[in-house]
PDB file of N, CA and C in Angstrom:
ATOM      1  N   MET A   1    -169.006 -55.621  56.756  1.00  0.00           N
ATOM      2  CA  MET A   1    -169.894 -56.654  57.275  1.00  0.00           C
ATOM      3  C   MET A   1    -169.646 -56.774  58.771  1.00  0.00           C
ATOM      4  N   ASN A   2    -170.726 -56.712  59.557  1.00  0.00           N
ATOM      5  CA  ASN A   2    -170.549 -56.807  61.007  1.00  0.00           C
ATOM      6  C   ASN A   2    -170.867 -58.223  61.495  1.00  0.00           C
ATOM      7  N   GLU A   3    -170.694 -58.430  62.795  1.00  0.00           N
ATOM      8  CA  GLU A   3    -170.883 -59.752  63.394  1.00  0.00           C
ATOM      9  C   GLU A   3    -172.313 -60.265  63.229  1.00  0.00           C
ATOM     10  N   ASP A   4    -173.323 -59.384  63.334  1.00  0.00           N
ATOM     11  CA  ASP A   4    -174.722 -59.779  63.168  1.00  0.00           C
ATOM     12  C   ASP A   4    -174.976 -60.350  61.777  1.00  0.00           C
ATOM     13  N   ASP A   5    -174.347 -59.765  60.747  1.00  0.00           N
ATOM     14  CA  ASP A   5    -174.496 -60.277  59.386  1.00  0.00           C
ATOM     15  C   ASP A   5    -173.941 -61.692  59.281  1.00  0.00           C
ATOM     16  N   ASN A   6    -172.803 -61.941  59.904  1.00  0.00           N
ATOM     17  CA  ASN A   6    -172.201 -63.272  59.875  1.00  0.00           C
ATOM     18  C   ASN A   6    -173.073 -64.292  60.585  1.00  0.00           C
ATOM     19  N   ILE A   7    -173.637 -63.927  61.725  1.00  0.00           N
ATOM     20  CA  ILE A   7    -174.499 -64.843  62.470  1.00  0.00           C
ATOM     21  C   ILE A   7    -175.747 -65.154  61.663  1.00  0.00           C
ATOM     22  N   ARG A   8    -176.358 -64.184  61.084  1.00  0.00           N
ATOM     23  CA  ARG A   8    -177.563 -64.383  60.286  1.00  0.00           C
ATOM     24  C   ARG A   8    -177.266 -65.320  59.115  1.00  0.00           C
ATOM     25  N   LYS A   9    -176.162 -65.112  58.459  1.00  0.00           N
ATOM     26  CA  LYS A   9    -175.809 -65.943  57.313  1.00  0.00           C
ATOM     27  C   LYS A   9    -175.523 -67.377  57.745  1.00  0.00           C
ATOM     28  N   LEU A  10    -174.886 -67.559  58.869  1.00  0.00           N
ATOM     29  CA  LEU A  10    -174.614 -68.899  59.364  1.00  0.00           C
ATOM     30  C   LEU A  10    -175.922 -69.622  59.688  1.00  0.00           C
ATOM     31  N   SER A  11    -176.891 -68.919  60.272  1.00  0.00           N
ATOM     32  CA  SER A  11    -178.183 -69.547  60.564  1.00  0.00           C
ATOM     33  C   SER A  11    -178.903 -69.918  59.277  1.00  0.00           C
ATOM     34  N   ASP A  12    -178.790 -69.080  58.258  1.00  0.00           N
ATOM     35  CA  ASP A  12    -179.396 -69.409  56.960  1.00  0.00           C
ATOM     36  C   ASP A  12    -178.749 -70.645  56.353  1.00  0.00           C
ATOM     37  N   VAL A  13    -177.444 -70.733  56.461  1.00  0.00           N
ATOM     38  CA  VAL A  13    -176.716 -71.903  55.950  1.00  0.00           C
ATOM     39  C   VAL A  13    -177.172 -73.159  56.694  1.00  0.00           C
ATOM     40  N   PHE A  14    -177.327 -73.052  58.004  1.00  0.00           N
ATOM     41  CA  PHE A  14    -177.760 -74.194  58.815  1.00  0.00           C
ATOM     42  C   PHE A  14    -179.172 -74.635  58.409  1.00  0.00           C
ATOM     43  N   LYS A  15    -180.094 -73.678  58.231  1.00  0.00           N
ATOM     44  CA  LYS A  15    -181.454 -74.005  57.796  1.00  0.00           C
ATOM     45  C   LYS A  15    -181.444 -74.678  56.431  1.00  0.00           C
ATOM     46  N   ASP A  16    -180.628 -74.160  55.526  1.00  0.00           N
ATOM     47  CA  ASP A  16    -180.530 -74.758  54.194  1.00  0.00           C
ATOM     48  C   ASP A  16    -179.982 -76.175  54.265  1.00  0.00           C
ATOM     49  N   LEU A  17    -179.013 -76.395  55.125  1.00  0.00           N
ATOM     50  CA  LEU A  17    -178.437 -77.730  55.295  1.00  0.00           C
ATOM     51  C   LEU A  17    -179.476 -78.708  55.838  1.00  0.00           C
ATOM     52  N   LEU A  18    -180.248 -78.266  56.844  1.00  0.00           N
ATOM     53  CA  LEU A  18    -181.301 -79.123  57.387  1.00  0.00           C
ATOM     54  C   LEU A  18    -182.324 -79.485  56.311  1.00  0.00           C
ATOM     55  N   LYS A  19    -182.698 -78.502  55.533  1.00  0.00           N
ATOM     56  CA  LYS A  19    -183.672 -78.735  54.463  1.00  0.00           C
ATOM     57  C   LYS A  19    -183.099 -79.689  53.423  1.00  0.00           C
ATOM     58  N   GLN A  20    -181.863 -79.459  53.052  1.00  0.00           N
ATOM     59  CA  GLN A  20    -181.199 -80.279  52.039  1.00  0.00           C
ATOM     60  C   GLN A  20    -181.080 -81.738  52.494  1.00  0.00           C
ATOM     61  N   GLU A  21    -180.825 -81.951  53.760  1.00  0.00           N
ATOM     62  CA  GLU A  21    -180.664 -83.305  54.292  1.00  0.00           C
ATOM     63  C   GLU A  21    -181.998 -83.950  54.679  1.00  0.00           C
ATOM     64  N   GLY A  22    -183.100 -83.224  54.491  1.00  0.00           N
ATOM     65  CA  GLY A  22    -184.418 -83.764  54.808  1.00  0.00           C
ATOM     66  C   GLY A  22    -184.709 -83.809  56.297  1.00  0.00           C
ATOM     67  N   LEU A  23    -184.025 -83.012  57.077  1.00  0.00           N
ATOM     68  CA  LEU A  23    -184.194 -83.026  58.532  1.00  0.00           C
ATOM     69  C   LEU A  23    -185.133 -81.952  59.040  1.00  0.00           C
ATOM     70  N   GLU A  24    -185.384 -80.936  58.248  1.00  0.00           N
ATOM     71  CA  GLU A  24    -186.215 -79.816  58.699  1.00  0.00           C
ATOM     72  C   GLU A  24    -187.605 -80.299  59.121  1.00  0.00           C
ATOM     73  N   ASP A  25    -188.247 -81.110  58.278  1.00  0.00           N
ATOM     74  CA  ASP A  25    -189.587 -81.608  58.603  1.00  0.00           C
ATOM     75  C   ASP A  25    -189.578 -82.476  59.857  1.00  0.00           C
ATOM     76  N   LYS A  26    -188.552 -83.295  60.014  1.00  0.00           N
ATOM     77  CA  LYS A  26    -188.460 -84.161  61.196  1.00  0.00           C
ATOM     78  C   LYS A  26    -188.327 -83.331  62.471  1.00  0.00           C
ATOM     79  N   ILE A  27    -187.565 -82.278  62.409  1.00  0.00           N
ATOM     80  CA  ILE A  27    -187.385 -81.412  63.577  1.00  0.00           C
ATOM     81  C   ILE A  27    -188.690 -80.705  63.913  1.00  0.00           C
ATOM     82  N   ILE A  28    -189.390 -80.218  62.904  1.00  0.00           N
ATOM     83  CA  ILE A  28    -190.666 -79.534  63.136  1.00  0.00           C
ATOM     84  C   ILE A  28    -191.687 -80.509  63.711  1.00  0.00           C
ATOM     85  N   LYS A  29    -191.738 -81.717  63.189  1.00  0.00           N
ATOM     86  CA  LYS A  29    -192.685 -82.721  63.688  1.00  0.00           C
ATOM     87  C   LYS A  29    -192.383 -83.080  65.140  1.00  0.00           C
ATOM     88  N   ALA A  30    -191.117 -83.216  65.468  1.00  0.00           N
ATOM     89  CA  ALA A  30    -190.741 -83.494  66.860  1.00  0.00           C
ATOM     90  C   ALA A  30    -191.133 -82.333  67.767  1.00  0.00           C
ATOM     91  N   LYS A  31    -191.002 -81.131  67.277  1.00  0.00           N
ATOM     92  CA  LYS A  31    -191.379 -79.950  68.063  1.00  0.00           C
ATOM     93  C   LYS A  31    -192.883 -79.930  68.295  1.00  0.00           C
ATOM     94  N   VAL A  32    -193.679 -80.264  67.276  1.00  0.00           N
ATOM     95  CA  VAL A  32    -195.139 -80.320  67.429  1.00  0.00           C
ATOM     96  C   VAL A  32    -195.509 -81.301  68.524  1.00  0.00           C
ATOM     97  N   ILE A  33    -194.927 -82.484  68.494  1.00  0.00           N
ATOM     98  CA  ILE A  33    -195.246 -83.512  69.489  1.00  0.00           C
ATOM     99  C   ILE A  33    -194.829 -83.049  70.884  1.00  0.00           C
ATOM    100  N   SER A  34    -193.670 -82.423  70.982  1.00  0.00           N
ATOM    101  CA  SER A  34    -193.219 -81.975  72.307  1.00  0.00           C
ATOM    102  C   SER A  34    -194.042 -80.800  72.827  1.00  0.00           C
ATOM    103  N   MET A  35    -194.656 -80.012  71.946  1.00  0.00           N
ATOM    104  CA  MET A  35    -195.446 -78.853  72.346  1.00  0.00           C
ATOM    105  C   MET A  35    -196.937 -79.170  72.480  1.00  0.00           C
ATOM    106  N   TRP A  36    -197.334 -80.405  72.250  1.00  0.00           N
ATOM    107  CA  TRP A  36    -198.749 -80.798  72.268  1.00  0.00           C
ATOM    108  C   TRP A  36    -199.454 -80.332  73.536  1.00  0.00           C
ATOM    109  N   LYS A  37    -198.858 -80.621  74.700  1.00  0.00           N
ATOM    110  CA  LYS A  37    -199.486 -80.255  75.972  1.00  0.00           C
ATOM    111  C   LYS A  37    -199.668 -78.742  76.085  1.00  0.00           C
ATOM    112  N   ASP A  38    -198.685 -77.979  75.652  1.00  0.00           N
ATOM    113  CA  ASP A  38    -198.778 -76.522  75.725  1.00  0.00           C
ATOM    114  C   ASP A  38    -199.879 -75.982  74.817  1.00  0.00           C
ATOM    115  N   VAL A  39    -200.101 -76.637  73.699  1.00  0.00           N
ATOM    116  CA  VAL A  39    -201.089 -76.159  72.729  1.00  0.00           C
ATOM    117  C   VAL A  39    -202.506 -76.561  73.124  1.00  0.00           C
ATOM    118  N   VAL A  40    -202.698 -77.812  73.559  1.00  0.00           N
ATOM    119  CA  VAL A  40    -204.061 -78.302  73.837  1.00  0.00           C
ATOM    120  C   VAL A  40    -204.447 -78.218  75.304  1.00  0.00           C
ATOM    121  N   GLY A  41    -203.483 -78.011  76.175  1.00  0.00           N
ATOM    122  CA  GLY A  41    -203.770 -77.932  77.600  1.00  0.00           C
ATOM    123  C   GLY A  41    -203.596 -79.269  78.302  1.00  0.00           C
ATOM    124  N   PRO A  42    -203.485 -79.237  79.638  1.00  0.00           N
ATOM    125  CA  PRO A  42    -203.171 -80.449  80.399  1.00  0.00           C
ATOM    126  C   PRO A  42    -204.276 -81.508  80.363  1.00  0.00           C
ATOM    127  N   HIS A  43    -205.544 -81.120  80.362  1.00  0.00           N
ATOM    128  CA  HIS A  43    -206.639 -82.102  80.358  1.00  0.00           C
ATOM    129  C   HIS A  43    -206.607 -82.949  79.086  1.00  0.00           C
ATOM    130  N   ILE A  44    -206.531 -82.283  77.936  1.00  0.00           N
ATOM    131  CA  ILE A  44    -206.497 -83.027  76.670  1.00  0.00           C
ATOM    132  C   ILE A  44    -205.198 -83.819  76.568  1.00  0.00           C
ATOM    133  N   ALA A  45    -204.092 -83.239  76.978  1.00  0.00           N
ATOM    134  CA  ALA A  45    -202.805 -83.935  76.903  1.00  0.00           C
ATOM    135  C   ALA A  45    -202.807 -85.208  77.741  1.00  0.00           C
ATOM    136  N   ARG A  46    -203.441 -85.160  78.922  1.00  0.00           N
ATOM    137  CA  ARG A  46    -203.509 -86.356  79.785  1.00  0.00           C
ATOM    138  C   ARG A  46    -204.359 -87.457  79.162  1.00  0.00           C
ATOM    139  N   ASN A  47    -205.295 -87.063  78.320  1.00  0.00           N
ATOM    140  CA  ASN A  47    -206.236 -88.027  77.747  1.00  0.00           C
ATOM    141  C   ASN A  47    -205.962 -88.347  76.283  1.00  0.00           C
ATOM    142  N   THR A  48    -204.766 -88.011  75.830  1.00  0.00           N
ATOM    143  CA  THR A  48    -204.309 -88.383  74.492  1.00  0.00           C
ATOM    144  C   THR A  48    -202.913 -88.962  74.617  1.00  0.00           C
ATOM    145  N   SER A  49    -202.548 -89.782  73.644  1.00  0.00           N
ATOM    146  CA  SER A  49    -201.219 -90.394  73.701  1.00  0.00           C
ATOM    147  C   SER A  49    -200.815 -90.867  72.306  1.00  0.00           C
ATOM    148  N   ARG A  50    -199.628 -91.440  72.249  1.00  0.00           N
ATOM    149  CA  ARG A  50    -199.084 -92.051  71.031  1.00  0.00           C
ATOM    150  C   ARG A  50    -199.185 -91.138  69.811  1.00  0.00           C
ATOM    151  N   LEU A  51    -198.790 -89.908  69.980  1.00  0.00           N
ATOM    152  CA  LEU A  51    -198.782 -88.969  68.858  1.00  0.00           C
ATOM    153  C   LEU A  51    -197.679 -89.361  67.894  1.00  0.00           C
ATOM    154  N   LYS A  52    -198.003 -89.338  66.622  1.00  0.00           N
ATOM    155  CA  LYS A  52    -197.009 -89.619  65.592  1.00  0.00           C
ATOM    156  C   LYS A  52    -197.480 -88.986  64.291  1.00  0.00           C
ATOM    157  N   PHE A  53    -196.572 -88.871  63.366  1.00  0.00           N
ATOM    158  CA  PHE A  53    -196.907 -88.331  62.056  1.00  0.00           C
ATOM    159  C   PHE A  53    -196.886 -89.423  61.017  1.00  0.00           C
ATOM    160  N   GLN A  54    -197.826 -89.327  60.100  1.00  0.00           N
ATOM    161  CA  GLN A  54    -197.830 -90.149  58.900  1.00  0.00           C
ATOM    162  C   GLN A  54    -197.898 -89.132  57.768  1.00  0.00           C
ATOM    163  N   ASP A  55    -196.799 -88.950  57.085  1.00  0.00           N
ATOM    164  CA  ASP A  55    -196.636 -87.854  56.134  1.00  0.00           C
ATOM    165  C   ASP A  55    -196.868 -86.547  56.895  1.00  0.00           C
ATOM    166  N   ASN A  56    -197.803 -85.732  56.474  1.00  0.00           N
ATOM    167  CA  ASN A  56    -198.069 -84.478  57.182  1.00  0.00           C
ATOM    168  C   ASN A  56    -199.384 -84.531  57.947  1.00  0.00           C
ATOM    169  N   LYS A  57    -199.785 -85.717  58.317  1.00  0.00           N
ATOM    170  CA  LYS A  57    -200.991 -85.909  59.131  1.00  0.00           C
ATOM    171  C   LYS A  57    -200.564 -86.337  60.533  1.00  0.00           C
ATOM    172  N   LEU A  58    -201.096 -85.647  61.526  1.00  0.00           N
ATOM    173  CA  LEU A  58    -200.805 -85.977  62.920  1.00  0.00           C
ATOM    174  C   LEU A  58    -201.816 -87.012  63.389  1.00  0.00           C
ATOM    175  N   ILE A  59    -201.325 -88.122  63.901  1.00  0.00           N
ATOM    176  CA  ILE A  59    -202.167 -89.200  64.408  1.00  0.00           C
ATOM    177  C   ILE A  59    -202.144 -89.116  65.934  1.00  0.00           C
ATOM    178  N   VAL A  60    -203.332 -89.095  66.545  1.00  0.00           N
ATOM    179  CA  VAL A  60    -203.435 -88.941  68.002  1.00  0.00           C
ATOM    180  C   VAL A  60    -204.386 -90.013  68.531  1.00  0.00           C
ATOM    181  N   HIS A  61    -203.910 -90.790  69.499  1.00  0.00           N
ATOM    182  CA  HIS A  61    -204.769 -91.761  70.180  1.00  0.00           C
ATOM    183  C   HIS A  61    -205.511 -91.024  71.290  1.00  0.00           C
ATOM    184  N   VAL A  62    -206.843 -91.150  71.307  1.00  0.00           N
ATOM    185  CA  VAL A  62    -207.680 -90.468  72.295  1.00  0.00           C
ATOM    186  C   VAL A  62    -208.286 -91.523  73.215  1.00  0.00           C
ATOM    187  N   HIS A  63    -208.268 -91.271  74.511  1.00  0.00           N
ATOM    188  CA  HIS A  63    -208.677 -92.271  75.493  1.00  0.00           C
ATOM    189  C   HIS A  63    -210.174 -92.404  75.701  1.00  0.00           C
ATOM    190  N   SER A  64    -210.978 -91.496  75.139  1.00  0.00           N
ATOM    191  CA  SER A  64    -212.432 -91.632  75.300  1.00  0.00           C
ATOM    192  C   SER A  64    -213.149 -91.147  74.042  1.00  0.00           C
ATOM    193  N   ASP A  65    -214.296 -91.769  73.771  1.00  0.00           N
ATOM    194  CA  ASP A  65    -215.089 -91.389  72.600  1.00  0.00           C
ATOM    195  C   ASP A  65    -215.604 -89.958  72.722  1.00  0.00           C
ATOM    196  N   ALA A  66    -216.007 -89.568  73.930  1.00  0.00           N
ATOM    197  CA  ALA A  66    -216.539 -88.216  74.126  1.00  0.00           C
ATOM    198  C   ALA A  66    -215.479 -87.169  73.792  1.00  0.00           C
ATOM    199  N   LEU A  67    -214.260 -87.378  74.263  1.00  0.00           N
ATOM    200  CA  LEU A  67    -213.182 -86.433  73.971  1.00  0.00           C
ATOM    201  C   LEU A  67    -212.844 -86.459  72.487  1.00  0.00           C
ATOM    202  N   ARG A  68    -212.861 -87.629  71.877  1.00  0.00           N
ATOM    203  CA  ARG A  68    -212.588 -87.736  70.442  1.00  0.00           C
ATOM    204  C   ARG A  68    -213.567 -86.860  69.653  1.00  0.00           C
ATOM    205  N   ASN A  69    -214.849 -86.935  70.002  1.00  0.00           N
ATOM    206  CA  ASN A  69    -215.858 -86.121  69.318  1.00  0.00           C
ATOM    207  C   ASN A  69    -215.600 -84.632  69.531  1.00  0.00           C
ATOM    208  N   GLU A  70    -215.245 -84.267  70.751  1.00  0.00           N
ATOM    209  CA  GLU A  70    -214.955 -82.866  71.061  1.00  0.00           C
ATOM    210  C   GLU A  70    -213.753 -82.369  70.255  1.00  0.00           C
ATOM    211  N   LEU A  71    -212.727 -83.207  70.162  1.00  0.00           N
ATOM    212  CA  LEU A  71    -211.523 -82.828  69.421  1.00  0.00           C
ATOM    213  C   LEU A  71    -211.792 -82.688  67.925  1.00  0.00           C
ATOM    214  N   MET A  72    -212.706 -83.478  67.408  1.00  0.00           N
ATOM    215  CA  MET A  72    -213.062 -83.361  65.993  1.00  0.00           C
ATOM    216  C   MET A  72    -213.586 -81.959  65.690  1.00  0.00           C
ATOM    217  N   PHE A  73    -214.383 -81.409  66.611  1.00  0.00           N
ATOM    218  CA  PHE A  73    -214.912 -80.061  66.427  1.00  0.00           C
ATOM    219  C   PHE A  73    -213.836 -78.994  66.594  1.00  0.00           C
ATOM    220  N   MET A  74    -212.798 -79.309  67.358  1.00  0.00           N
ATOM    221  CA  MET A  74    -211.726 -78.359  67.637  1.00  0.00           C
ATOM    222  C   MET A  74    -210.546 -78.498  66.673  1.00  0.00           C
ATOM    223  N   LYS A  75    -210.605 -79.460  65.777  1.00  0.00           N
ATOM    224  CA  LYS A  75    -209.464 -79.813  64.931  1.00  0.00           C
ATOM    225  C   LYS A  75    -208.862 -78.606  64.197  1.00  0.00           C
ATOM    226  N   HIS A  76    -209.689 -77.829  63.557  1.00  0.00           N
ATOM    227  CA  HIS A  76    -209.189 -76.694  62.775  1.00  0.00           C
ATOM    228  C   HIS A  76    -208.412 -75.722  63.664  1.00  0.00           C
ATOM    229  N   GLN A  77    -208.956 -75.428  64.834  1.00  0.00           N
ATOM    230  CA  GLN A  77    -208.289 -74.494  65.752  1.00  0.00           C
ATOM    231  C   GLN A  77    -206.983 -75.084  66.287  1.00  0.00           C
ATOM    232  N   ILE A  78    -206.977 -76.376  66.572  1.00  0.00           N
ATOM    233  CA  ILE A  78    -205.747 -77.029  67.052  1.00  0.00           C
ATOM    234  C   ILE A  78    -204.666 -76.943  65.985  1.00  0.00           C
ATOM    235  N   ILE A  79    -205.030 -77.218  64.740  1.00  0.00           N
ATOM    236  CA  ILE A  79    -204.051 -77.139  63.644  1.00  0.00           C
ATOM    237  C   ILE A  79    -203.497 -75.724  63.539  1.00  0.00           C
ATOM    238  N   GLN A  80    -204.362 -74.722  63.606  1.00  0.00           N
ATOM    239  CA  GLN A  80    -203.897 -73.329  63.546  1.00  0.00           C
ATOM    240  C   GLN A  80    -202.945 -73.011  64.694  1.00  0.00           C
ATOM    241  N   ASN A  81    -203.292 -73.470  65.895  1.00  0.00           N
ATOM    242  CA  ASN A  81    -202.440 -73.208  67.059  1.00  0.00           C
ATOM    243  C   ASN A  81    -201.086 -73.903  66.931  1.00  0.00           C
ATOM    244  N   LEU A  82    -201.080 -75.123  66.407  1.00  0.00           N
ATOM    245  CA  LEU A  82    -199.820 -75.833  66.201  1.00  0.00           C
ATOM    246  C   LEU A  82    -198.970 -75.116  65.158  1.00  0.00           C
ATOM    247  N   HIS A  83    -199.587 -74.684  64.077  1.00  0.00           N
ATOM    248  CA  HIS A  83    -198.842 -73.943  63.052  1.00  0.00           C
ATOM    249  C   HIS A  83    -198.242 -72.673  63.631  1.00  0.00           C
ATOM    250  N   GLN A  84    -199.017 -71.987  64.441  1.00  0.00           N
ATOM    251  CA  GLN A  84    -198.528 -70.752  65.054  1.00  0.00           C
ATOM    252  C   GLN A  84    -197.351 -71.049  65.985  1.00  0.00           C
ATOM    253  N   THR A  85    -197.426 -72.143  66.707  1.00  0.00           N
ATOM    254  CA  THR A  85    -196.370 -72.506  67.647  1.00  0.00           C
ATOM    255  C   THR A  85    -195.045 -72.799  66.937  1.00  0.00           C
ATOM    256  N   VAL A  86    -195.104 -73.539  65.840  1.00  0.00           N
ATOM    257  CA  VAL A  86    -193.865 -73.897  65.130  1.00  0.00           C
ATOM    258  C   VAL A  86    -193.550 -72.926  63.994  1.00  0.00           C
ATOM    259  N   GLN A  87    -194.416 -71.949  63.792  1.00  0.00           N
ATOM    260  CA  GLN A  87    -194.230 -70.906  62.786  1.00  0.00           C
ATOM    261  C   GLN A  87    -194.056 -71.462  61.378  1.00  0.00           C
ATOM    262  N   LYS A  88    -194.838 -72.506  61.101  1.00  0.00           N
ATOM    263  CA  LYS A  88    -194.830 -73.081  59.756  1.00  0.00           C
ATOM    264  C   LYS A  88    -196.137 -73.828  59.560  1.00  0.00           C
ATOM    265  N   GLU A  89    -196.741 -73.681  58.392  1.00  0.00           N
ATOM    266  CA  GLU A  89    -197.981 -74.377  58.091  1.00  0.00           C
ATOM    267  C   GLU A  89    -197.656 -75.637  57.298  1.00  0.00           C
ATOM    268  N   PHE A  90    -197.842 -76.786  57.915  1.00  0.00           N
ATOM    269  CA  PHE A  90    -197.531 -78.020  57.211  1.00  0.00           C
ATOM    270  C   PHE A  90    -198.446 -79.177  57.583  1.00  0.00           C
ATOM    271  N   ILE A  91    -199.206 -79.055  58.679  1.00  0.00           N
ATOM    272  CA  ILE A  91    -200.088 -80.148  59.097  1.00  0.00           C
ATOM    273  C   ILE A  91    -201.318 -80.129  58.204  1.00  0.00           C
ATOM    274  N   GLU A  92    -201.520 -81.216  57.470  1.00  0.00           N
ATOM    275  CA  GLU A  92    -202.662 -81.320  56.574  1.00  0.00           C
ATOM    276  C   GLU A  92    -203.942 -81.710  57.321  1.00  0.00           C
ATOM    277  N   ASP A  93    -203.787 -82.533  58.354  1.00  0.00           N
ATOM    278  CA  ASP A  93    -204.954 -83.047  59.064  1.00  0.00           C
ATOM    279  C   ASP A  93    -204.494 -83.628  60.400  1.00  0.00           C
ATOM    280  N   ILE A  94    -205.454 -83.778  61.298  1.00  0.00           N
ATOM    281  CA  ILE A  94    -205.219 -84.527  62.534  1.00  0.00           C
ATOM    282  C   ILE A  94    -206.240 -85.654  62.546  1.00  0.00           C
ATOM    283  N   LEU A  95    -205.750 -86.862  62.752  1.00  0.00           N
ATOM    284  CA  LEU A  95    -206.624 -88.033  62.822  1.00  0.00           C
ATOM    285  C   LEU A  95    -206.666 -88.494  64.264  1.00  0.00           C
ATOM    286  N   PHE A  96    -207.878 -88.539  64.837  1.00  0.00           N
ATOM    287  CA  PHE A  96    -208.050 -88.941  66.219  1.00  0.00           C
ATOM    288  C   PHE A  96    -208.565 -90.384  66.261  1.00  0.00           C
ATOM    289  N   TYR A  97    -207.852 -91.258  66.972  1.00  0.00           N
ATOM    290  CA  TYR A  97    -208.227 -92.670  67.093  1.00  0.00           C
ATOM    291  C   TYR A  97    -208.402 -93.042  68.537  1.00  0.00           C
TER     292      TYR A  97
END
């Protein structure tokens, strides 16, 4: 067994521990919120705020009705981009308020 095998196994143990303690989802959700600007771009990020999760639904406050309507049409693509960014599919929906 070489050093790479030991490192890989330790990372697997760490992932299992996070999952077992219920922290994996919290870490992924925090990553989604922190990556929001990178995924949607600076214009949308400046005009949205108070991102939070309710179960696996992302809640986003939108500062204008026009942007809210635009985001509704983009919702599916945003969800796909977020999943790609965190390399896990877990967002069921995005609710824009």
